[in-house]
Amino acid sequence: MFQQLLAIAGCFGLLLAPTAVRAWEPGDDWQDSQCRTTRDEGGNSVEVCQAIYDGNKVYLGAYWDDGSEVVGPCSTADPTPIEYKGMTKAEARTWVKTYCP
């Protein structure tokens, strides 16, 4: 009986155990050293951030004062989709090409 209770308690312990901490992903809190402020072609202020994620992949984040943004991989071969807000997908891809190395 005691062994059965221990087994049941162990199962509950596995269910309640904390999950692994999620690794940093592009778009999460960028570090100041990863970002710079510049102007787009229309003269609007844009904060451009770049960092290496998932080994050796360069990711971009571009943020405008009006709330528009683009976050995604710099490589067009990367299957991760570009996330964007306040613009079309075509415009988002253009900004990735403009600001990625």
PDB file of N, CA and C in Angstrom:
ATOM      1  N   MET A   1       0.826  -1.192   0.000  1.00  0.00           N
ATOM      2  CA  MET A   1       0.000   0.000   0.000  1.00  0.00           C
ATOM      3  C   MET A   1       0.872   1.258   0.000  1.00  0.00           C
ATOM      4  N   PHE A   2       1.912   1.262   0.837  1.00  0.00           N
ATOM      5  CA  PHE A   2       2.802   2.418   0.924  1.00  0.00           C
ATOM      6  C   PHE A   2       3.489   2.677  -0.416  1.00  0.00           C
ATOM      7  N   GLN A   3       3.920   1.610  -1.115  1.00  0.00           N
ATOM      8  CA  GLN A   3       4.575   1.754  -2.402  1.00  0.00           C
ATOM      9  C   GLN A   3       3.617   2.331  -3.443  1.00  0.00           C
ATOM     10  N   GLN A   4       2.336   1.937  -3.361  1.00  0.00           N
ATOM     11  CA  GLN A   4       1.348   2.474  -4.302  1.00  0.00           C
ATOM     12  C   GLN A   4       1.135   3.964  -4.064  1.00  0.00           C
ATOM     13  N   LEU A   5       1.108   4.361  -2.792  1.00  0.00           N
ATOM     14  CA  LEU A   5       0.956   5.787  -2.471  1.00  0.00           C
ATOM     15  C   LEU A   5       2.161   6.578  -2.960  1.00  0.00           C
ATOM     16  N   LEU A   6       3.357   6.014  -2.800  1.00  0.00           N
ATOM     17  CA  LEU A   6       4.560   6.677  -3.293  1.00  0.00           C
ATOM     18  C   LEU A   6       4.518   6.830  -4.811  1.00  0.00           C
ATOM     19  N   ALA A   7       4.059   5.803  -5.503  1.00  0.00           N
ATOM     20  CA  ALA A   7       3.972   5.862  -6.961  1.00  0.00           C
ATOM     21  C   ALA A   7       2.975   6.937  -7.399  1.00  0.00           C
ATOM     22  N   ILE A   8       1.844   7.000  -6.717  1.00  0.00           N
ATOM     23  CA  ILE A   8       0.831   8.010  -7.040  1.00  0.00           C
ATOM     24  C   ILE A   8       1.374   9.407  -6.749  1.00  0.00           C
ATOM     25  N   ALA A   9       2.036   9.566  -5.610  1.00  0.00           N
ATOM     26  CA  ALA A   9       2.617  10.864  -5.265  1.00  0.00           C
ATOM     27  C   ALA A   9       3.674  11.277  -6.284  1.00  0.00           C
ATOM     28  N   GLY A  10       4.449  10.314  -6.756  1.00  0.00           N
ATOM     29  CA  GLY A  10       5.464  10.600  -7.765  1.00  0.00           C
ATOM     30  C   GLY A  10       4.842  11.069  -9.071  1.00  0.00           C
ATOM     31  N   CYS A  11       3.740  10.479  -9.467  1.00  0.00           N
ATOM     32  CA  CYS A  11       3.041  10.901 -10.689  1.00  0.00           C
ATOM     33  C   CYS A  11       2.535  12.330 -10.554  1.00  0.00           C
ATOM     34  N   PHE A  12       1.969  12.649  -9.385  1.00  0.00           N
ATOM     35  CA  PHE A  12       1.496  14.016  -9.166  1.00  0.00           C
ATOM     36  C   PHE A  12       2.668  14.997  -9.174  1.00  0.00           C
ATOM     37  N   GLY A  13       3.800  14.575  -8.627  1.00  0.00           N
ATOM     38  CA  GLY A  13       4.989  15.426  -8.624  1.00  0.00           C
ATOM     39  C   GLY A  13       5.440  15.745 -10.034  1.00  0.00           C
ATOM     40  N   LEU A  14       5.372  14.769 -10.942  1.00  0.00           N
ATOM     41  CA  LEU A  14       5.750  15.013 -12.337  1.00  0.00           C
ATOM     42  C   LEU A  14       4.776  15.984 -13.006  1.00  0.00           C
ATOM     43  N   LEU A  15       3.506  15.853 -12.661  1.00  0.00           N
ATOM     44  CA  LEU A  15       2.516  16.748 -13.246  1.00  0.00           C
ATOM     45  C   LEU A  15       2.681  18.179 -12.765  1.00  0.00           C
ATOM     46  N   LEU A  16       3.126  18.340 -11.532  1.00  0.00           N
ATOM     47  CA  LEU A  16       3.242  19.660 -10.932  1.00  0.00           C
ATOM     48  C   LEU A  16       4.627  20.270 -11.076  1.00  0.00           C
ATOM     49  N   ALA A  17       5.569  19.496 -11.599  1.00  0.00           N
ATOM     50  CA  ALA A  17       6.940  19.995 -11.736  1.00  0.00           C
ATOM     51  C   ALA A  17       6.963  21.187 -12.685  1.00  0.00           C
ATOM     52  N   PRO A  18       7.782  22.190 -12.386  1.00  0.00           N
ATOM     53  CA  PRO A  18       7.848  23.352 -13.270  1.00  0.00           C
ATOM     54  C   PRO A  18       8.388  22.971 -14.639  1.00  0.00           C
ATOM     55  N   THR A  19       7.867  23.605 -15.669  1.00  0.00           N
ATOM     56  CA  THR A  19       8.336  23.332 -17.017  1.00  0.00           C
ATOM     57  C   THR A  19       9.635  24.088 -17.258  1.00  0.00           C
ATOM     58  N   ALA A  20      10.336  23.684 -18.285  1.00  0.00           N
ATOM     59  CA  ALA A  20      11.601  24.338 -18.612  1.00  0.00           C
ATOM     60  C   ALA A  20      11.352  25.798 -18.990  1.00  0.00           C
ATOM     61  N   VAL A  21      12.279  26.631 -18.660  1.00  0.00           N
ATOM     62  CA  VAL A  21      12.185  28.046 -18.994  1.00  0.00           C
ATOM     63  C   VAL A  21      12.343  28.196 -20.493  1.00  0.00           C
ATOM     64  N   ARG A  22      11.474  28.967 -21.103  1.00  0.00           N
ATOM     65  CA  ARG A  22      11.510  29.189 -22.546  1.00  0.00           C
ATOM     66  C   ARG A  22      12.703  30.068 -22.894  1.00  0.00           C
ATOM     67  N   ALA A  23      13.393  29.700 -23.951  1.00  0.00           N
ATOM     68  CA  ALA A  23      14.554  30.471 -24.393  1.00  0.00           C
ATOM     69  C   ALA A  23      14.099  31.789 -25.007  1.00  0.00           C
ATOM     70  N   TRP A  24      15.021  32.737 -25.077  1.00  0.00           N
ATOM     71  CA  TRP A  24      14.720  34.021 -25.703  1.00  0.00           C
ATOM     72  C   TRP A  24      14.315  33.804 -27.147  1.00  0.00           C
ATOM     73  N   GLU A  25      13.284  34.503 -27.572  1.00  0.00           N
ATOM     74  CA  GLU A  25      12.851  34.461 -28.956  1.00  0.00           C
ATOM     75  C   GLU A  25      12.831  35.873 -29.507  1.00  0.00           C
ATOM     76  N   PRO A  26      13.015  36.020 -30.793  1.00  0.00           N
ATOM     77  CA  PRO A  26      12.967  37.351 -31.386  1.00  0.00           C
ATOM     78  C   PRO A  26      11.666  38.046 -31.045  1.00  0.00           C
ATOM     79  N   GLY A  27      11.763  39.302 -30.715  1.00  0.00           N
ATOM     80  CA  GLY A  27      10.581  40.065 -30.332  1.00  0.00           C
ATOM     81  C   GLY A  27      10.430  40.167 -28.834  1.00  0.00           C
ATOM     82  N   ASP A  28      11.071  39.238 -28.101  1.00  0.00           N
ATOM     83  CA  ASP A  28      11.081  39.370 -26.655  1.00  0.00           C
ATOM     84  C   ASP A  28      11.985  40.556 -26.327  1.00  0.00           C
ATOM     85  N   ASP A  29      12.132  40.862 -25.097  1.00  0.00           N
ATOM     86  CA  ASP A  29      12.886  42.048 -24.680  1.00  0.00           C
ATOM     87  C   ASP A  29      14.265  42.100 -25.330  1.00  0.00           C
ATOM     88  N   TRP A  30      14.389  42.948 -26.335  1.00  0.00           N
ATOM     89  CA  TRP A  30      15.685  43.150 -26.983  1.00  0.00           C
ATOM     90  C   TRP A  30      16.604  43.886 -26.013  1.00  0.00           C
ATOM     91  N   GLN A  31      17.877  43.626 -26.093  1.00  0.00           N
ATOM     92  CA  GLN A  31      18.849  44.345 -25.281  1.00  0.00           C
ATOM     93  C   GLN A  31      19.235  45.632 -26.016  1.00  0.00           C
ATOM     94  N   ASP A  32      19.572  46.665 -25.256  1.00  0.00           N
ATOM     95  CA  ASP A  32      19.948  47.946 -25.859  1.00  0.00           C
ATOM     96  C   ASP A  32      21.077  47.798 -26.875  1.00  0.00           C
ATOM     97  N   SER A  33      22.008  46.913 -26.586  1.00  0.00           N
ATOM     98  CA  SER A  33      23.153  46.735 -27.482  1.00  0.00           C
ATOM     99  C   SER A  33      22.743  46.100 -28.820  1.00  0.00           C
ATOM    100  N   GLN A  34      21.550  45.551 -28.903  1.00  0.00           N
ATOM    101  CA  GLN A  34      21.081  44.920 -30.129  1.00  0.00           C
ATOM    102  C   GLN A  34      20.273  45.883 -31.005  1.00  0.00           C
ATOM    103  N   CYS A  35      20.026  47.098 -30.511  1.00  0.00           N
ATOM    104  CA  CYS A  35      19.124  48.022 -31.197  1.00  0.00           C
ATOM    105  C   CYS A  35      19.783  49.354 -31.526  1.00  0.00           C
ATOM    106  N   ARG A  36      19.259  49.987 -32.562  1.00  0.00           N
ATOM    107  CA  ARG A  36      19.692  51.330 -32.934  1.00  0.00           C
ATOM    108  C   ARG A  36      18.468  52.065 -33.466  1.00  0.00           C
ATOM    109  N   THR A  37      18.476  53.359 -33.370  1.00  0.00           N
ATOM    110  CA  THR A  37      17.384  54.170 -33.905  1.00  0.00           C
ATOM    111  C   THR A  37      17.843  54.822 -35.189  1.00  0.00           C
ATOM    112  N   THR A  38      17.003  54.775 -36.192  1.00  0.00           N
ATOM    113  CA  THR A  38      17.314  55.351 -37.491  1.00  0.00           C
ATOM    114  C   THR A  38      16.033  55.949 -38.068  1.00  0.00           C
ATOM    115  N   ARG A  39      16.086  56.374 -39.299  1.00  0.00           N
ATOM    116  CA  ARG A  39      14.907  56.928 -39.986  1.00  0.00           C
ATOM    117  C   ARG A  39      14.634  56.089 -41.236  1.00  0.00           C
ATOM    118  N   ASP A  40      13.359  55.860 -41.510  1.00  0.00           N
ATOM    119  CA  ASP A  40      13.009  55.148 -42.733  1.00  0.00           C
ATOM    120  C   ASP A  40      12.976  56.132 -43.904  1.00  0.00           C
ATOM    121  N   GLU A  41      12.619  55.656 -45.068  1.00  0.00           N
ATOM    122  CA  GLU A  41      12.620  56.495 -46.267  1.00  0.00           C
ATOM    123  C   GLU A  41      11.663  57.677 -46.175  1.00  0.00           C
ATOM    124  N   GLY A  42      10.628  57.543 -45.342  1.00  0.00           N
ATOM    125  CA  GLY A  42       9.665  58.623 -45.156  1.00  0.00           C
ATOM    126  C   GLY A  42      10.051  59.593 -44.062  1.00  0.00           C
ATOM    127  N   GLY A  43      11.217  59.379 -43.444  1.00  0.00           N
ATOM    128  CA  GLY A  43      11.688  60.251 -42.377  1.00  0.00           C
ATOM    129  C   GLY A  43      11.149  59.894 -41.001  1.00  0.00           C
ATOM    130  N   ASN A  44      10.450  58.777 -40.895  1.00  0.00           N
ATOM    131  CA  ASN A  44       9.896  58.338 -39.612  1.00  0.00           C
ATOM    132  C   ASN A  44      10.956  57.632 -38.776  1.00  0.00           C
ATOM    133  N   SER A  45      10.919  57.865 -37.485  1.00  0.00           N
ATOM    134  CA  SER A  45      11.846  57.207 -36.567  1.00  0.00           C
ATOM    135  C   SER A  45      11.489  55.721 -36.464  1.00  0.00           C
ATOM    136  N   VAL A  46      12.508  54.877 -36.559  1.00  0.00           N
ATOM    137  CA  VAL A  46      12.312  53.434 -36.434  1.00  0.00           C
ATOM    138  C   VAL A  46      13.441  52.847 -35.602  1.00  0.00           C
ATOM    139  N   GLU A  47      13.073  52.023 -34.643  1.00  0.00           N
ATOM    140  CA  GLU A  47      14.068  51.324 -33.833  1.00  0.00           C
ATOM    141  C   GLU A  47      14.301  49.963 -34.473  1.00  0.00           C
ATOM    142  N   VAL A  48      15.538  49.701 -34.866  1.00  0.00           N
ATOM    143  CA  VAL A  48      15.897  48.469 -35.552  1.00  0.00           C
ATOM    144  C   VAL A  48      16.762  47.633 -34.621  1.00  0.00           C
ATOM    145  N   CYS A  49      16.335  46.402 -34.386  1.00  0.00           N
ATOM    146  CA  CYS A  49      17.058  45.497 -33.493  1.00  0.00           C
ATOM    147  C   CYS A  49      17.453  44.234 -34.266  1.00  0.00           C
ATOM    148  N   GLN A  50      18.636  43.724 -33.974  1.00  0.00           N
ATOM    149  CA  GLN A  50      19.106  42.487 -34.594  1.00  0.00           C
ATOM    150  C   GLN A  50      19.808  41.658 -33.540  1.00  0.00           C
ATOM    151  N   ALA A  51      19.577  40.347 -33.614  1.00  0.00           N
ATOM    152  CA  ALA A  51      20.237  39.434 -32.684  1.00  0.00           C
ATOM    153  C   ALA A  51      20.332  38.057 -33.326  1.00  0.00           C
ATOM    154  N   ILE A  52      21.259  37.272 -32.823  1.00  0.00           N
ATOM    155  CA  ILE A  52      21.408  35.895 -33.270  1.00  0.00           C
ATOM    156  C   ILE A  52      20.570  35.026 -32.348  1.00  0.00           C
ATOM    157  N   TYR A  53      19.778  34.167 -32.958  1.00  0.00           N
ATOM    158  CA  TYR A  53      18.872  33.283 -32.224  1.00  0.00           C
ATOM    159  C   TYR A  53      18.933  31.903 -32.851  1.00  0.00           C
ATOM    160  N   ASP A  54      18.699  30.897 -32.049  1.00  0.00           N
ATOM    161  CA  ASP A  54      18.647  29.521 -32.535  1.00  0.00           C
ATOM    162  C   ASP A  54      19.949  29.120 -33.223  1.00  0.00           C
ATOM    163  N   GLY A  55      21.035  29.393 -32.546  1.00  0.00           N
ATOM    164  CA  GLY A  55      22.346  28.987 -33.050  1.00  0.00           C
ATOM    165  C   GLY A  55      23.045  30.052 -33.846  1.00  0.00           C
ATOM    166  N   ASN A  56      22.660  30.201 -35.107  1.00  0.00           N
ATOM    167  CA  ASN A  56      23.373  31.147 -35.957  1.00  0.00           C
ATOM    168  C   ASN A  56      22.442  31.955 -36.858  1.00  0.00           C
ATOM    169  N   LYS A  57      21.160  32.013 -36.527  1.00  0.00           N
ATOM    170  CA  LYS A  57      20.197  32.732 -37.356  1.00  0.00           C
ATOM    171  C   LYS A  57      20.054  34.179 -36.892  1.00  0.00           C
ATOM    172  N   VAL A  58      20.166  35.114 -37.820  1.00  0.00           N
ATOM    173  CA  VAL A  58      20.015  36.533 -37.499  1.00  0.00           C
ATOM    174  C   VAL A  58      18.540  36.906 -37.639  1.00  0.00           C
ATOM    175  N   TYR A  59      18.012  37.517 -36.596  1.00  0.00           N
ATOM    176  CA  TYR A  59      16.627  37.966 -36.584  1.00  0.00           C
ATOM    177  C   TYR A  59      16.571  39.478 -36.476  1.00  0.00           C
ATOM    178  N   LEU A  60      15.510  40.030 -37.029  1.00  0.00           N
ATOM    179  CA  LEU A  60      15.306  41.467 -37.072  1.00  0.00           C
ATOM    180  C   LEU A  60      14.021  41.828 -36.335  1.00  0.00           C
ATOM    181  N   GLY A  61      14.064  42.968 -35.670  1.00  0.00           N
ATOM    182  CA  GLY A  61      12.856  43.589 -35.137  1.00  0.00           C
ATOM    183  C   GLY A  61      12.914  45.054 -35.511  1.00  0.00           C
ATOM    184  N   ALA A  62      11.869  45.570 -36.144  1.00  0.00           N
ATOM    185  CA  ALA A  62      11.811  46.989 -36.510  1.00  0.00           C
ATOM    186  C   ALA A  62      10.503  47.543 -35.963  1.00  0.00           C
ATOM    187  N   TYR A  63      10.598  48.661 -35.231  1.00  0.00           N
ATOM    188  CA  TYR A  63       9.452  49.205 -34.509  1.00  0.00           C
ATOM    189  C   TYR A  63       9.312  50.698 -34.787  1.00  0.00           C
ATOM    190  N   TRP A  64       8.132  51.102 -35.250  1.00  0.00           N
ATOM    191  CA  TRP A  64       7.846  52.504 -35.537  1.00  0.00           C
ATOM    192  C   TRP A  64       7.007  53.098 -34.418  1.00  0.00           C
ATOM    193  N   ASP A  65       7.048  54.422 -34.308  1.00  0.00           N
ATOM    194  CA  ASP A  65       6.306  55.129 -33.256  1.00  0.00           C
ATOM    195  C   ASP A  65       4.799  54.961 -33.375  1.00  0.00           C
ATOM    196  N   ASP A  66       4.285  54.691 -34.578  1.00  0.00           N
ATOM    197  CA  ASP A  66       2.834  54.538 -34.760  1.00  0.00           C
ATOM    198  C   ASP A  66       2.331  53.151 -34.376  1.00  0.00           C
ATOM    199  N   GLY A  67       3.243  52.275 -33.892  1.00  0.00           N
ATOM    200  CA  GLY A  67       2.858  50.933 -33.471  1.00  0.00           C
ATOM    201  C   GLY A  67       3.113  49.859 -34.517  1.00  0.00           C
ATOM    202  N   SER A  68       3.503  50.257 -35.703  1.00  0.00           N
ATOM    203  CA  SER A  68       3.831  49.272 -36.744  1.00  0.00           C
ATOM    204  C   SER A  68       5.111  48.542 -36.348  1.00  0.00           C
ATOM    205  N   GLU A  69       5.206  47.291 -36.742  1.00  0.00           N
ATOM    206  CA  GLU A  69       6.402  46.519 -36.425  1.00  0.00           C
ATOM    207  C   GLU A  69       6.566  45.343 -37.363  1.00  0.00           C
ATOM    208  N   VAL A  70       7.816  44.886 -37.455  1.00  0.00           N
ATOM    209  CA  VAL A  70       8.190  43.696 -38.217  1.00  0.00           C
ATOM    210  C   VAL A  70       9.170  42.923 -37.350  1.00  0.00           C
ATOM    211  N   VAL A  71       8.942  41.620 -37.185  1.00  0.00           N
ATOM    212  CA  VAL A  71       9.858  40.759 -36.447  1.00  0.00           C
ATOM    213  C   VAL A  71       9.989  39.461 -37.227  1.00  0.00           C
ATOM    214  N   GLY A  72      11.216  39.067 -37.506  1.00  0.00           N
ATOM    215  CA  GLY A  72      11.398  37.808 -38.208  1.00  0.00           C
ATOM    216  C   GLY A  72      12.831  37.545 -38.589  1.00  0.00           C
ATOM    217  N   PRO A  73      13.049  36.400 -39.224  1.00  0.00           N
ATOM    218  CA  PRO A  73      14.404  36.022 -39.621  1.00  0.00           C
ATOM    219  C   PRO A  73      14.883  36.840 -40.803  1.00  0.00           C
ATOM    220  N   CYS A  74      16.173  37.081 -40.854  1.00  0.00           N
ATOM    221  CA  CYS A  74      16.754  37.796 -41.994  1.00  0.00           C
ATOM    222  C   CYS A  74      16.881  36.895 -43.211  1.00  0.00           C
ATOM    223  N   SER A  75      17.042  35.621 -43.023  1.00  0.00           N
ATOM    224  CA  SER A  75      17.203  34.691 -44.135  1.00  0.00           C
ATOM    225  C   SER A  75      15.851  34.337 -44.734  1.00  0.00           C
ATOM    226  N   THR A  76      15.740  34.477 -46.045  1.00  0.00           N
ATOM    227  CA  THR A  76      14.501  34.096 -46.715  1.00  0.00           C
ATOM    228  C   THR A  76      14.328  32.579 -46.742  1.00  0.00           C
ATOM    229  N   ALA A  77      15.414  31.839 -46.500  1.00  0.00           N
ATOM    230  CA  ALA A  77      15.341  30.378 -46.471  1.00  0.00           C
ATOM    231  C   ALA A  77      14.793  29.854 -45.141  1.00  0.00           C
ATOM    232  N   ASP A  78      14.738  30.711 -44.120  1.00  0.00           N
ATOM    233  CA  ASP A  78      14.247  30.301 -42.805  1.00  0.00           C
ATOM    234  C   ASP A  78      12.734  30.113 -42.865  1.00  0.00           C
ATOM    235  N   PRO A  79      12.234  28.957 -42.396  1.00  0.00           N
ATOM    236  CA  PRO A  79      10.792  28.704 -42.469  1.00  0.00           C
ATOM    237  C   PRO A  79       9.961  29.496 -41.441  1.00  0.00           C
ATOM    238  N   THR A  80      10.634  30.141 -40.485  1.00  0.00           N
ATOM    239  CA  THR A  80       9.911  30.921 -39.493  1.00  0.00           C
ATOM    240  C   THR A  80       9.224  32.098 -40.172  1.00  0.00           C
ATOM    241  N   PRO A  81       7.921  32.273 -39.952  1.00  0.00           N
ATOM    242  CA  PRO A  81       7.227  33.371 -40.630  1.00  0.00           C
ATOM    243  C   PRO A  81       7.605  34.736 -40.067  1.00  0.00           C
ATOM    244  N   ILE A  82       7.506  35.740 -40.909  1.00  0.00           N
ATOM    245  CA  ILE A  82       7.709  37.124 -40.471  1.00  0.00           C
ATOM    246  C   ILE A  82       6.422  37.580 -39.803  1.00  0.00           C
ATOM    247  N   GLU A  83       6.547  38.137 -38.623  1.00  0.00           N
ATOM    248  CA  GLU A  83       5.386  38.705 -37.936  1.00  0.00           C
ATOM    249  C   GLU A  83       5.386  40.201 -38.210  1.00  0.00           C
ATOM    250  N   TYR A  84       4.219  40.755 -38.482  1.00  0.00           N
ATOM    251  CA  TYR A  84       4.141  42.176 -38.811  1.00  0.00           C
ATOM    252  C   TYR A  84       2.809  42.747 -38.360  1.00  0.00           C
ATOM    253  N   LYS A  85       2.807  44.045 -38.149  1.00  0.00           N
ATOM    254  CA  LYS A  85       1.605  44.745 -37.711  1.00  0.00           C
ATOM    255  C   LYS A  85       1.639  46.149 -38.305  1.00  0.00           C
ATOM    256  N   GLY A  86       0.512  46.607 -38.812  1.00  0.00           N
ATOM    257  CA  GLY A  86       0.426  47.962 -39.337  1.00  0.00           C
ATOM    258  C   GLY A  86       0.936  48.127 -40.755  1.00  0.00           C
ATOM    259  N   MET A  87       1.078  47.016 -41.482  1.00  0.00           N
ATOM    260  CA  MET A  87       1.568  47.068 -42.863  1.00  0.00           C
ATOM    261  C   MET A  87       1.184  45.772 -43.557  1.00  0.00           C
ATOM    262  N   THR A  88       1.391  45.720 -44.849  1.00  0.00           N
ATOM    263  CA  THR A  88       1.124  44.499 -45.603  1.00  0.00           C
ATOM    264  C   THR A  88       2.308  43.543 -45.477  1.00  0.00           C
ATOM    265  N   LYS A  89       2.087  42.296 -45.868  1.00  0.00           N
ATOM    266  CA  LYS A  89       3.165  41.313 -45.837  1.00  0.00           C
ATOM    267  C   LYS A  89       4.293  41.720 -46.791  1.00  0.00           C
ATOM    268  N   ALA A  90       3.928  42.250 -47.948  1.00  0.00           N
ATOM    269  CA  ALA A  90       4.941  42.689 -48.917  1.00  0.00           C
ATOM    270  C   ALA A  90       5.791  43.818 -48.332  1.00  0.00           C
ATOM    271  N   GLU A  91       5.148  44.777 -47.643  1.00  0.00           N
ATOM    272  CA  GLU A  91       5.900  45.867 -47.006  1.00  0.00           C
ATOM    273  C   GLU A  91       6.814  45.322 -45.919  1.00  0.00           C
ATOM    274  N   ALA A  92       6.316  44.355 -45.155  1.00  0.00           N
ATOM    275  CA  ALA A  92       7.131  43.750 -44.091  1.00  0.00           C
ATOM    276  C   ALA A  92       8.380  43.101 -44.681  1.00  0.00           C
ATOM    277  N   ARG A  93       8.214  42.363 -45.766  1.00  0.00           N
ATOM    278  CA  ARG A  93       9.369  41.721 -46.409  1.00  0.00           C
ATOM    279  C   ARG A  93      10.368  42.760 -46.928  1.00  0.00           C
ATOM    280  N   THR A  94       9.849  43.861 -47.427  1.00  0.00           N
ATOM    281  CA  THR A  94      10.732  44.936 -47.905  1.00  0.00           C
ATOM    282  C   THR A  94      11.565  45.490 -46.774  1.00  0.00           C
ATOM    283  N   TRP A  95      10.944  45.707 -45.607  1.00  0.00           N
ATOM    284  CA  TRP A  95      11.692  46.238 -44.455  1.00  0.00           C
ATOM    285  C   TRP A  95      12.744  45.236 -43.974  1.00  0.00           C
ATOM    286  N   VAL A  96      12.417  43.941 -43.999  1.00  0.00           N
ATOM    287  CA  VAL A  96      13.411  42.933 -43.608  1.00  0.00           C
ATOM    288  C   VAL A  96      14.605  43.017 -44.548  1.00  0.00           C
ATOM    289  N   LYS A  97      14.360  43.110 -45.852  1.00  0.00           N
ATOM    290  CA  LYS A  97      15.462  43.214 -46.818  1.00  0.00           C
ATOM    291  C   LYS A  97      16.262  44.497 -46.608  1.00  0.00           C
ATOM    292  N   THR A  98      15.567  45.580 -46.240  1.00  0.00           N
ATOM    293  CA  THR A  98      16.232  46.870 -46.051  1.00  0.00           C
ATOM    294  C   THR A  98      17.142  46.874 -44.826  1.00  0.00           C
ATOM    295  N   TYR A  99      16.677  46.295 -43.734  1.00  0.00           N
ATOM    296  CA  TYR A  99      17.397  46.414 -42.467  1.00  0.00           C
ATOM    297  C   TYR A  99      18.265  45.206 -42.097  1.00  0.00           C
ATOM    298  N   CYS A 100      18.132  44.096 -42.786  1.00  0.00           N
ATOM    299  CA  CYS A 100      18.979  42.949 -42.471  1.00  0.00           C
ATOM    300  C   CYS A 100      20.340  43.076 -43.139  1.00  0.00           C
ATOM    301  N   PRO A 101      21.355  42.493 -42.501  1.00  0.00           N
ATOM    302  CA  PRO A 101      22.716  42.573 -43.070  1.00  0.00           C
ATOM    303  C   PRO A 101      22.844  41.792 -44.362  1.00  0.00           C
TER     304      PRO A 101
END
